[in-house]
Amino acid sequence: MLFALGLGDDVVAVTHECDYPPEATARPRLTRSVLPPGLSGAEIDAAVREIVARGQALYELDESLLRTLDVDLIVTQAVCAVCAVSYEDVRAVATRLPSAPDVLSLDPATFADVLDDIGRLATAVGTTGAGETLRRDLEERLTRIDAAVRGSSQERRRVLALEWLDPPFVGGHWIPEMVARAGGNDVLGKPGQKSRTVTWDELVAAKAETVVVMPCGYDAERAAQEAETYYENLADLGAREVYAVDAAASFSRPGPRLVDGVELLARLFDPSVESALPGRESVGVRSVV
């Protein structure tokens, strides 16, 4: 979001997860996960639950490096404790820094909240005009999607969005709104509510026509690997198609690229809308079934 506001040169450090735009990867990384690499989805879930149960942190923040950067503002989030350094830890570190930086936590629950956060961030960094321009551009793209979906002759399909497969998590927060805006009906997700675990029996009973596998933080290739690992479970859902998408790029991170995700879903649900959404390349997606 900061880069989209034209503030890339002012971003002096990022987290270990920050990989877009490519220039972000050249910035010093202030965080690291305590989870060992190479774990399966089930192993990640088990490790996270164990660490949280012990009251320990999932991420470490490099306070020594942060101290050398003389920052004015730290942008963080408290939407998900599993996704980033805890807000409380960030606040505690900020109070110890000589520069006494402000801390802005962006914690959206809905798609509208994500758009509102563009304005909040732009105001915090003194670029209100850039925030208004970015939001207007995104809303114009959403309006084009709305028109394309209204012009489609295809009936809204029953869609299941899965944010994890072992155990299965149904996508919440802004995901059901993205599905609806793209021309689908989310069969289990609730707009504005947290993602939640469900059983495979519940998923079968939902009778989804389209399943979108979007494991939180995974790219399309990793998502496809997960989908293939649980191929039999997904096949039992009886859906006509199962797609694995780049969740990290366009679904799990609340920023401007969520609009890319809506455009992608609209194309998946009805390829005929492609001509109504010109100039946008599909982000990573793979048909699994």
C-alpha atoms as a PDB file:
ATOM      1  CA  MET A   1       0.000   0.000   0.000  1.00  0.00           C
ATOM      2  CA  LEU A   2       2.860   2.392   0.786  1.00  0.00           C
ATOM      3  CA  PHE A   3       4.503   1.689  -2.558  1.00  0.00           C
ATOM      4  CA  ALA A   4       1.155   2.148  -4.320  1.00  0.00           C
ATOM      5  CA  LEU A   5       0.927   5.570  -2.669  1.00  0.00           C
ATOM      6  CA  GLY A   6       4.272   6.486  -4.236  1.00  0.00           C
ATOM      7  CA  LEU A   7       6.209   6.247  -0.972  1.00  0.00           C
ATOM      8  CA  GLY A   8       8.552   3.405  -1.827  1.00  0.00           C
ATOM      9  CA  ASP A   9      11.656   5.539  -1.284  1.00  0.00           C
ATOM     10  CA  ASP A  10      10.501   6.293   2.264  1.00  0.00           C
ATOM     11  CA  VAL A  11      10.055   2.631   3.207  1.00  0.00           C
ATOM     12  CA  VAL A  12      13.279   1.866   5.083  1.00  0.00           C
ATOM     13  CA  ALA A  13      12.503  -1.693   6.203  1.00  0.00           C
ATOM     14  CA  VAL A  14       9.942  -4.461   5.747  1.00  0.00           C
ATOM     15  CA  THR A  15       8.933  -7.810   7.209  1.00  0.00           C
ATOM     16  CA  HIS A  16      10.255 -11.170   6.058  1.00  0.00           C
ATOM     17  CA  GLU A  17       6.966 -11.707   4.169  1.00  0.00           C
ATOM     18  CA  CYS A  18       7.074  -8.471   2.147  1.00  0.00           C
ATOM     19  CA  ASP A  19       7.756  -9.370  -1.494  1.00  0.00           C
ATOM     20  CA  TYR A  20       5.757  -6.891  -3.563  1.00  0.00           C
ATOM     21  CA  PRO A  21       6.573  -4.820  -5.442  1.00  0.00           C
ATOM     22  CA  PRO A  22       9.966  -6.414  -6.200  1.00  0.00           C
ATOM     23  CA  GLU A  23      11.747  -3.331  -4.845  1.00  0.00           C
ATOM     24  CA  ALA A  24      10.458  -4.213  -1.385  1.00  0.00           C
ATOM     25  CA  THR A  25      12.690  -7.270  -1.284  1.00  0.00           C
ATOM     26  CA  ALA A  26      15.742  -5.003  -1.339  1.00  0.00           C
ATOM     27  CA  ARG A  27      14.802  -3.394   1.994  1.00  0.00           C
ATOM     28  CA  PRO A  28      16.198  -4.668   5.328  1.00  0.00           C
ATOM     29  CA  ARG A  29      13.946  -7.292   6.900  1.00  0.00           C
ATOM     30  CA  LEU A  30      12.974  -6.690  10.498  1.00  0.00           C
ATOM     31  CA  THR A  31      11.095  -9.882  11.319  1.00  0.00           C
ATOM     32  CA  ARG A  32      11.486 -13.621  11.159  1.00  0.00           C
ATOM     33  CA  SER A  33       9.238 -16.589  11.871  1.00  0.00           C
ATOM     34  CA  VAL A  34      10.183 -19.004  14.653  1.00  0.00           C
ATOM     35  CA  LEU A  35       8.669 -21.886  12.658  1.00  0.00           C
ATOM     36  CA  PRO A  36      11.221 -24.132  10.948  1.00  0.00           C
ATOM     37  CA  PRO A  37      11.083 -24.203   7.139  1.00  0.00           C
ATOM     38  CA  GLY A  38       9.674 -27.095   5.143  1.00  0.00           C
ATOM     39  CA  LEU A  39       6.657 -27.903   7.297  1.00  0.00           C
ATOM     40  CA  SER A  40       3.475 -29.253   5.745  1.00  0.00           C
ATOM     41  CA  GLY A  41       0.172 -27.456   6.188  1.00  0.00           C
ATOM     42  CA  ALA A  42      -0.845 -29.798   8.998  1.00  0.00           C
ATOM     43  CA  GLU A  43       2.547 -29.410  10.696  1.00  0.00           C
ATOM     44  CA  ILE A  44       2.328 -25.620  10.464  1.00  0.00           C
ATOM     45  CA  ASP A  45      -1.106 -25.645  12.067  1.00  0.00           C
ATOM     46  CA  ALA A  46       0.054 -27.953  14.870  1.00  0.00           C
ATOM     47  CA  ALA A  47       3.207 -25.918  15.537  1.00  0.00           C
ATOM     48  CA  VAL A  48       1.278 -22.642  15.629  1.00  0.00           C
ATOM     49  CA  ARG A  49      -1.260 -24.040  18.084  1.00  0.00           C
ATOM     50  CA  GLU A  50       1.498 -25.386  20.326  1.00  0.00           C
ATOM     51  CA  ILE A  51       3.477 -22.135  20.369  1.00  0.00           C
ATOM     52  CA  VAL A  52       0.373 -20.025  21.006  1.00  0.00           C
ATOM     53  CA  ALA A  53      -0.728 -22.375  23.798  1.00  0.00           C
ATOM     54  CA  ARG A  54       2.633 -21.831  25.497  1.00  0.00           C
ATOM     55  CA  GLY A  55       2.091 -18.080  25.298  1.00  0.00           C
ATOM     56  CA  GLN A  56       5.101 -17.592  23.065  1.00  0.00           C
ATOM     57  CA  ALA A  57       5.498 -15.376  20.002  1.00  0.00           C
ATOM     58  CA  LEU A  58       5.390 -16.746  16.470  1.00  0.00           C
ATOM     59  CA  TYR A  59       7.626 -13.971  15.131  1.00  0.00           C
ATOM     60  CA  GLU A  60      10.679 -12.099  16.298  1.00  0.00           C
ATOM     61  CA  LEU A  61      11.315  -8.403  15.696  1.00  0.00           C
ATOM     62  CA  ASP A  62      14.883  -7.162  15.225  1.00  0.00           C
ATOM     63  CA  GLU A  63      14.834  -4.260  17.649  1.00  0.00           C
ATOM     64  CA  SER A  64      18.549  -3.567  17.253  1.00  0.00           C
ATOM     65  CA  LEU A  65      18.215  -3.063  13.496  1.00  0.00           C
ATOM     66  CA  LEU A  66      15.039  -1.029  13.910  1.00  0.00           C
ATOM     67  CA  ARG A  67      16.837   1.239  16.362  1.00  0.00           C
ATOM     68  CA  THR A  68      19.401   2.184  13.696  1.00  0.00           C
ATOM     69  CA  LEU A  69      16.793   3.231  11.127  1.00  0.00           C
ATOM     70  CA  ASP A  70      15.423   6.317  12.900  1.00  0.00           C
ATOM     71  CA  VAL A  71      11.858   5.629  11.735  1.00  0.00           C
ATOM     72  CA  ASP A  72       8.955   8.074  12.094  1.00  0.00           C
ATOM     73  CA  LEU A  73       6.126   5.600  11.504  1.00  0.00           C
ATOM     74  CA  ILE A  74       5.647   1.865  11.971  1.00  0.00           C
ATOM     75  CA  VAL A  75       2.762   0.352  10.020  1.00  0.00           C
ATOM     76  CA  THR A  76       1.523  -2.952  11.409  1.00  0.00           C
ATOM     77  CA  GLN A  77      -1.635  -5.026  11.780  1.00  0.00           C
ATOM     78  CA  ALA A  78      -3.623  -6.884  14.421  1.00  0.00           C
ATOM     79  CA  VAL A  79      -6.085  -8.613  12.098  1.00  0.00           C
ATOM     80  CA  CYS A  80      -4.404 -11.970  12.610  1.00  0.00           C
ATOM     81  CA  ALA A  81      -2.026 -12.924  15.414  1.00  0.00           C
ATOM     82  CA  VAL A  82      -0.732 -15.802  13.288  1.00  0.00           C
ATOM     83  CA  CYS A  83       0.357 -13.527  10.433  1.00  0.00           C
ATOM     84  CA  ALA A  84       2.662 -10.933  11.996  1.00  0.00           C
ATOM     85  CA  VAL A  85       4.501  -9.703  15.067  1.00  0.00           C
ATOM     86  CA  SER A  86       1.878  -8.941  17.708  1.00  0.00           C
ATOM     87  CA  TYR A  87       0.638  -5.373  17.938  1.00  0.00           C
ATOM     88  CA  GLU A  88       1.505  -5.283  21.634  1.00  0.00           C
ATOM     89  CA  ASP A  89       5.113  -6.258  20.898  1.00  0.00           C
ATOM     90  CA  VAL A  90       5.389  -3.598  18.203  1.00  0.00           C
ATOM     91  CA  ARG A  91       4.006  -0.936  20.536  1.00  0.00           C
ATOM     92  CA  ALA A  92       6.398  -1.981  23.288  1.00  0.00           C
ATOM     93  CA  VAL A  93       9.411  -1.751  20.992  1.00  0.00           C
ATOM     94  CA  ALA A  94       8.271   1.620  19.634  1.00  0.00           C
ATOM     95  CA  THR A  95       8.236   3.127  23.128  1.00  0.00           C
ATOM     96  CA  ARG A  96      11.884   2.188  23.562  1.00  0.00           C
ATOM     97  CA  LEU A  97      13.113   3.745  20.318  1.00  0.00           C
ATOM     98  CA  PRO A  98      14.887   7.132  20.433  1.00  0.00           C
ATOM     99  CA  SER A  99      12.866   8.374  17.439  1.00  0.00           C
ATOM    100  CA  ALA A 100       9.570   7.707  19.293  1.00  0.00           C
ATOM    101  CA  PRO A 101       7.762   6.629  16.105  1.00  0.00           C
ATOM    102  CA  ASP A 102       4.019   6.590  15.695  1.00  0.00           C
ATOM    103  CA  VAL A 103       2.456   3.149  15.278  1.00  0.00           C
ATOM    104  CA  LEU A 104      -0.436   2.729  12.847  1.00  0.00           C
ATOM    105  CA  SER A 105      -2.275  -0.594  12.948  1.00  0.00           C
ATOM    106  CA  LEU A 106      -4.412  -1.394   9.891  1.00  0.00           C
ATOM    107  CA  ASP A 107      -7.007  -3.938  10.989  1.00  0.00           C
ATOM    108  CA  PRO A 108      -9.705  -4.290   8.319  1.00  0.00           C
ATOM    109  CA  ALA A 109     -12.532  -6.792   8.590  1.00  0.00           C
ATOM    110  CA  THR A 110     -14.329  -5.985   5.334  1.00  0.00           C
ATOM    111  CA  PHE A 111     -13.436  -4.904   1.809  1.00  0.00           C
ATOM    112  CA  ALA A 112     -14.677  -1.396   2.581  1.00  0.00           C
ATOM    113  CA  ASP A 113     -12.332  -1.299   5.578  1.00  0.00           C
ATOM    114  CA  VAL A 114      -9.403  -2.089   3.296  1.00  0.00           C
ATOM    115  CA  LEU A 115     -10.295   0.838   1.030  1.00  0.00           C
ATOM    116  CA  ASP A 116     -10.762   3.097   4.064  1.00  0.00           C
ATOM    117  CA  ASP A 117      -7.302   2.117   5.312  1.00  0.00           C
ATOM    118  CA  ILE A 118      -5.789   3.593   2.160  1.00  0.00           C
ATOM    119  CA  GLY A 119      -7.058   6.979   3.302  1.00  0.00           C
ATOM    120  CA  ARG A 120      -5.935   6.416   6.897  1.00  0.00           C
ATOM    121  CA  LEU A 121      -2.433   5.536   5.792  1.00  0.00           C
ATOM    122  CA  ALA A 122      -2.253   8.370   3.271  1.00  0.00           C
ATOM    123  CA  THR A 123      -3.300  10.848   5.957  1.00  0.00           C
ATOM    124  CA  ALA A 124      -0.745   9.470   8.395  1.00  0.00           C
ATOM    125  CA  VAL A 125       2.085  10.043   5.923  1.00  0.00           C
ATOM    126  CA  GLY A 126       0.817  13.356   4.555  1.00  0.00           C
ATOM    127  CA  THR A 127      -0.194  12.215   1.069  1.00  0.00           C
ATOM    128  CA  THR A 128      -3.960  12.603   1.215  1.00  0.00           C
ATOM    129  CA  GLY A 129      -4.206  13.380  -2.485  1.00  0.00           C
ATOM    130  CA  ALA A 130      -2.344  10.220  -3.458  1.00  0.00           C
ATOM    131  CA  GLY A 131      -4.669   8.227  -1.229  1.00  0.00           C
ATOM    132  CA  GLU A 132      -7.738   9.691  -2.887  1.00  0.00           C
ATOM    133  CA  THR A 133      -6.323   8.954  -6.338  1.00  0.00           C
ATOM    134  CA  LEU A 134      -5.436   5.366  -5.474  1.00  0.00           C
ATOM    135  CA  ARG A 135      -8.836   4.686  -3.965  1.00  0.00           C
ATOM    136  CA  ARG A 136     -10.614   6.245  -6.934  1.00  0.00           C
ATOM    137  CA  ASP A 137      -8.625   4.091  -9.359  1.00  0.00           C
ATOM    138  CA  LEU A 138      -9.450   0.930  -7.413  1.00  0.00           C
ATOM    139  CA  GLU A 139     -13.131   1.831  -7.175  1.00  0.00           C
ATOM    140  CA  GLU A 140     -13.261   2.452 -10.929  1.00  0.00           C
ATOM    141  CA  ARG A 141     -11.900  -1.035 -11.517  1.00  0.00           C
ATOM    142  CA  LEU A 142     -14.484  -2.462  -9.124  1.00  0.00           C
ATOM    143  CA  THR A 143     -17.217  -0.608 -11.000  1.00  0.00           C
ATOM    144  CA  ARG A 144     -16.052  -2.245 -14.245  1.00  0.00           C
ATOM    145  CA  ILE A 145     -16.232  -5.639 -12.546  1.00  0.00           C
ATOM    146  CA  ASP A 146     -19.767  -4.883 -11.300  1.00  0.00           C
ATOM    147  CA  ALA A 147     -20.856  -3.986 -14.829  1.00  0.00           C
ATOM    148  CA  ALA A 148     -19.257  -7.100 -16.317  1.00  0.00           C
ATOM    149  CA  VAL A 149     -20.948  -9.351 -13.757  1.00  0.00           C
ATOM    150  CA  ARG A 150     -24.331  -7.691 -14.322  1.00  0.00           C
ATOM    151  CA  GLY A 151     -23.896  -8.211 -18.048  1.00  0.00           C
ATOM    152  CA  SER A 152     -23.109 -11.892 -17.683  1.00  0.00           C
ATOM    153  CA  SER A 153     -25.730 -14.431 -18.750  1.00  0.00           C
ATOM    154  CA  GLN A 154     -24.359 -16.989 -16.314  1.00  0.00           C
ATOM    155  CA  GLU A 155     -26.146 -17.703 -13.051  1.00  0.00           C
ATOM    156  CA  ARG A 156     -24.277 -17.075  -9.837  1.00  0.00           C
ATOM    157  CA  ARG A 157     -22.458 -20.218  -8.845  1.00  0.00           C
ATOM    158  CA  ARG A 158     -22.017 -21.672  -5.376  1.00  0.00           C
ATOM    159  CA  VAL A 159     -18.436 -20.993  -4.327  1.00  0.00           C
ATOM    160  CA  LEU A 160     -16.289 -22.356  -1.526  1.00  0.00           C
ATOM    161  CA  ALA A 161     -13.140 -20.416  -0.577  1.00  0.00           C
ATOM    162  CA  LEU A 162     -10.643 -22.443   1.455  1.00  0.00           C
ATOM    163  CA  GLU A 163      -7.882 -20.591   3.311  1.00  0.00           C
ATOM    164  CA  TRP A 164      -6.302 -23.781   4.654  1.00  0.00           C
ATOM    165  CA  LEU A 165      -6.721 -27.495   4.010  1.00  0.00           C
ATOM    166  CA  ASP A 166      -5.431 -29.291   7.117  1.00  0.00           C
ATOM    167  CA  PRO A 167      -7.527 -28.504   8.998  1.00  0.00           C
ATOM    168  CA  PRO A 168      -9.864 -26.898   6.463  1.00  0.00           C
ATOM    169  CA  PHE A 169     -10.499 -23.190   7.065  1.00  0.00           C
ATOM    170  CA  VAL A 170     -13.308 -21.286   5.352  1.00  0.00           C
ATOM    171  CA  GLY A 171     -12.258 -17.818   4.223  1.00  0.00           C
ATOM    172  CA  GLY A 172     -13.750 -14.911   6.138  1.00  0.00           C
ATOM    173  CA  HIS A 173     -13.119 -11.163   6.463  1.00  0.00           C
ATOM    174  CA  TRP A 174     -13.214  -9.651   2.943  1.00  0.00           C
ATOM    175  CA  ILE A 175     -13.131 -12.947   1.007  1.00  0.00           C
ATOM    176  CA  PRO A 176     -16.935 -13.544   0.847  1.00  0.00           C
ATOM    177  CA  GLU A 177     -17.368 -10.001  -0.476  1.00  0.00           C
ATOM    178  CA  MET A 178     -14.753 -10.628  -3.150  1.00  0.00           C
ATOM    179  CA  VAL A 179     -16.603 -13.778  -4.189  1.00  0.00           C
ATOM    180  CA  ALA A 180     -19.933 -11.948  -4.345  1.00  0.00           C
ATOM    181  CA  ARG A 181     -18.531  -9.020  -6.285  1.00  0.00           C
ATOM    182  CA  ALA A 182     -17.024 -11.437  -8.801  1.00  0.00           C
ATOM    183  CA  GLY A 183     -20.389 -13.088  -9.441  1.00  0.00           C
ATOM    184  CA  GLY A 184     -20.452 -15.966  -6.972  1.00  0.00           C
ATOM    185  CA  ASN A 185     -22.262 -16.925  -3.789  1.00  0.00           C
ATOM    186  CA  ASP A 186     -19.944 -17.932  -0.939  1.00  0.00           C
ATOM    187  CA  VAL A 187     -21.606 -21.002   0.569  1.00  0.00           C
ATOM    188  CA  LEU A 188     -19.911 -20.915   3.992  1.00  0.00           C
ATOM    189  CA  GLY A 189     -17.936 -17.696   4.445  1.00  0.00           C
ATOM    190  CA  LYS A 190     -19.458 -14.794   6.371  1.00  0.00           C
ATOM    191  CA  PRO A 191     -18.499 -11.222   5.352  1.00  0.00           C
ATOM    192  CA  GLY A 192     -16.591  -9.378   8.039  1.00  0.00           C
ATOM    193  CA  GLN A 193     -16.218 -12.424  10.258  1.00  0.00           C
ATOM    194  CA  LYS A 194     -13.013 -14.299  10.963  1.00  0.00           C
ATOM    195  CA  SER A 195     -11.985 -17.342   8.985  1.00  0.00           C
ATOM    196  CA  ARG A 196     -13.036 -20.521  10.754  1.00  0.00           C
ATOM    197  CA  THR A 197     -12.322 -24.214  10.823  1.00  0.00           C
ATOM    198  CA  VAL A 198     -14.870 -26.673   9.445  1.00  0.00           C
ATOM    199  CA  THR A 199     -15.021 -30.414   8.869  1.00  0.00           C
ATOM    200  CA  TRP A 200     -14.776 -32.083   5.487  1.00  0.00           C
ATOM    201  CA  ASP A 201     -18.319 -33.370   6.050  1.00  0.00           C
ATOM    202  CA  GLU A 202     -19.531 -29.775   6.358  1.00  0.00           C
ATOM    203  CA  LEU A 203     -17.747 -28.909   3.145  1.00  0.00           C
ATOM    204  CA  VAL A 204     -19.377 -31.824   1.327  1.00  0.00           C
ATOM    205  CA  ALA A 205     -22.795 -30.752   2.622  1.00  0.00           C
ATOM    206  CA  ALA A 206     -22.252 -27.214   1.282  1.00  0.00           C
ATOM    207  CA  LYS A 207     -22.555 -28.536  -2.307  1.00  0.00           C
ATOM    208  CA  ALA A 208     -20.197 -25.999  -3.836  1.00  0.00           C
ATOM    209  CA  GLU A 209     -19.946 -25.828  -7.621  1.00  0.00           C
ATOM    210  CA  THR A 210     -16.564 -24.089  -7.600  1.00  0.00           C
ATOM    211  CA  VAL A 211     -13.807 -24.441  -4.997  1.00  0.00           C
ATOM    212  CA  VAL A 212     -11.044 -21.848  -4.756  1.00  0.00           C
ATOM    213  CA  VAL A 213      -8.033 -23.066  -2.783  1.00  0.00           C
ATOM    214  CA  MET A 214      -6.222 -20.054  -1.312  1.00  0.00           C
ATOM    215  CA  PRO A 215      -4.003 -21.150   1.605  1.00  0.00           C
ATOM    216  CA  CYS A 216      -3.096 -18.016   3.526  1.00  0.00           C
ATOM    217  CA  GLY A 217       0.289 -16.676   2.464  1.00  0.00           C
ATOM    218  CA  TYR A 218       0.892 -19.274  -0.276  1.00  0.00           C
ATOM    219  CA  ASP A 219       1.574 -18.523  -3.915  1.00  0.00           C
ATOM    220  CA  ALA A 220      -0.256 -20.371  -6.692  1.00  0.00           C
ATOM    221  CA  GLU A 221       2.340 -23.124  -7.043  1.00  0.00           C
ATOM    222  CA  ARG A 222       2.353 -23.914  -3.316  1.00  0.00           C
ATOM    223  CA  ALA A 223      -1.441 -23.723  -3.239  1.00  0.00           C
ATOM    224  CA  ALA A 224      -1.647 -26.191  -6.130  1.00  0.00           C
ATOM    225  CA  GLN A 225       0.683 -28.568  -4.299  1.00  0.00           C
ATOM    226  CA  GLU A 226      -1.584 -28.439  -1.263  1.00  0.00           C
ATOM    227  CA  ALA A 227      -4.652 -29.022  -3.427  1.00  0.00           C
ATOM    228  CA  GLU A 228      -3.043 -32.045  -5.057  1.00  0.00           C
ATOM    229  CA  THR A 229      -2.042 -33.422  -1.644  1.00  0.00           C
ATOM    230  CA  TYR A 230      -5.707 -33.304  -0.606  1.00  0.00           C
ATOM    231  CA  TYR A 231      -7.041 -34.206  -4.033  1.00  0.00           C
ATOM    232  CA  GLU A 232      -9.337 -36.977  -2.788  1.00  0.00           C
ATOM    233  CA  ASN A 233     -10.888 -34.742  -0.137  1.00  0.00           C
ATOM    234  CA  LEU A 234     -11.477 -32.000  -2.678  1.00  0.00           C
ATOM    235  CA  ALA A 235     -12.858 -34.431  -5.243  1.00  0.00           C
ATOM    236  CA  ASP A 236     -15.382 -35.660  -2.648  1.00  0.00           C
ATOM    237  CA  LEU A 237     -16.862 -32.147  -2.533  1.00  0.00           C
ATOM    238  CA  GLY A 238     -18.460 -32.779  -5.921  1.00  0.00           C
ATOM    239  CA  ALA A 239     -17.524 -29.390  -7.364  1.00  0.00           C
ATOM    240  CA  ARG A 240     -17.290 -28.917 -11.123  1.00  0.00           C
ATOM    241  CA  GLU A 241     -13.920 -27.221 -10.787  1.00  0.00           C
ATOM    242  CA  VAL A 242     -11.224 -26.599  -8.202  1.00  0.00           C
ATOM    243  CA  TYR A 243      -8.753 -23.754  -8.658  1.00  0.00           C
ATOM    244  CA  ALA A 244      -5.580 -22.984  -6.721  1.00  0.00           C
ATOM    245  CA  VAL A 245      -4.770 -19.272  -6.650  1.00  0.00           C
ATOM    246  CA  ASP A 246      -2.011 -16.972  -5.474  1.00  0.00           C
ATOM    247  CA  ALA A 247      -3.391 -16.070  -2.066  1.00  0.00           C
ATOM    248  CA  ALA A 248      -0.365 -14.021  -1.024  1.00  0.00           C
ATOM    249  CA  ALA A 249      -0.680 -11.796  -4.079  1.00  0.00           C
ATOM    250  CA  SER A 250      -4.398 -11.160  -4.266  1.00  0.00           C
ATOM    251  CA  PHE A 251      -6.440 -12.579  -1.401  1.00  0.00           C
ATOM    252  CA  SER A 252      -4.885 -12.896   2.048  1.00  0.00           C
ATOM    253  CA  ARG A 253      -3.124  -9.513   2.248  1.00  0.00           C
ATOM    254  CA  PRO A 254      -5.488  -6.546   2.692  1.00  0.00           C
ATOM    255  CA  GLY A 255      -4.146  -4.091   0.147  1.00  0.00           C
ATOM    256  CA  PRO A 256      -4.702  -2.724  -3.368  1.00  0.00           C
ATOM    257  CA  ARG A 257      -4.100  -6.112  -5.004  1.00  0.00           C
ATOM    258  CA  LEU A 258      -7.353  -7.456  -3.588  1.00  0.00           C
ATOM    259  CA  VAL A 259      -8.932  -5.838  -6.637  1.00  0.00           C
ATOM    260  CA  ASP A 260      -6.705  -8.077  -8.784  1.00  0.00           C
ATOM    261  CA  GLY A 261      -8.234 -10.984  -6.875  1.00  0.00           C
ATOM    262  CA  VAL A 262     -11.797  -9.879  -7.623  1.00  0.00           C
ATOM    263  CA  GLU A 263     -10.950  -9.561 -11.312  1.00  0.00           C
ATOM    264  CA  LEU A 264      -9.395 -13.010 -11.275  1.00  0.00           C
ATOM    265  CA  LEU A 265     -12.435 -14.591  -9.611  1.00  0.00           C
ATOM    266  CA  ALA A 266     -14.755 -12.894 -12.089  1.00  0.00           C
ATOM    267  CA  ARG A 267     -12.806 -14.501 -14.945  1.00  0.00           C
ATOM    268  CA  LEU A 268     -12.834 -17.904 -13.268  1.00  0.00           C
ATOM    269  CA  PHE A 269     -16.565 -17.773 -12.660  1.00  0.00           C
ATOM    270  CA  ASP A 270     -17.347 -16.593 -16.196  1.00  0.00           C
ATOM    271  CA  PRO A 271     -14.554 -16.397 -18.811  1.00  0.00           C
ATOM    272  CA  SER A 272     -16.823 -14.292 -21.053  1.00  0.00           C
ATOM    273  CA  VAL A 273     -16.224 -11.246 -18.817  1.00  0.00           C
ATOM    274  CA  GLU A 274     -12.588 -11.134 -19.940  1.00  0.00           C
ATOM    275  CA  SER A 275     -13.382  -8.663 -22.705  1.00  0.00           C
ATOM    276  CA  ALA A 276     -15.082  -6.364 -20.205  1.00  0.00           C
ATOM    277  CA  LEU A 277     -11.985  -6.252 -17.989  1.00  0.00           C
ATOM    278  CA  PRO A 278      -9.229  -5.221 -20.392  1.00  0.00           C
ATOM    279  CA  GLY A 279      -5.604  -4.710 -19.621  1.00  0.00           C
ATOM    280  CA  ARG A 280      -5.330  -6.890 -16.527  1.00  0.00           C
ATOM    281  CA  GLU A 281      -3.307 -10.083 -16.454  1.00  0.00           C
ATOM    282  CA  SER A 282      -4.558 -12.950 -14.346  1.00  0.00           C
ATOM    283  CA  VAL A 283      -2.418 -13.616 -11.294  1.00  0.00           C
ATOM    284  CA  GLY A 284      -1.348 -17.169 -10.564  1.00  0.00           C
ATOM    285  CA  VAL A 285      -4.145 -19.693 -10.878  1.00  0.00           C
ATOM    286  CA  ARG A 286      -4.228 -23.375 -11.649  1.00  0.00           C
ATOM    287  CA  SER A 287      -7.098 -25.730 -12.364  1.00  0.00           C
ATOM    288  CA  VAL A 288      -6.725 -28.773 -10.122  1.00  0.00           C
ATOM    289  CA  VAL A 289      -9.823 -30.814 -10.991  1.00  0.00           C
END
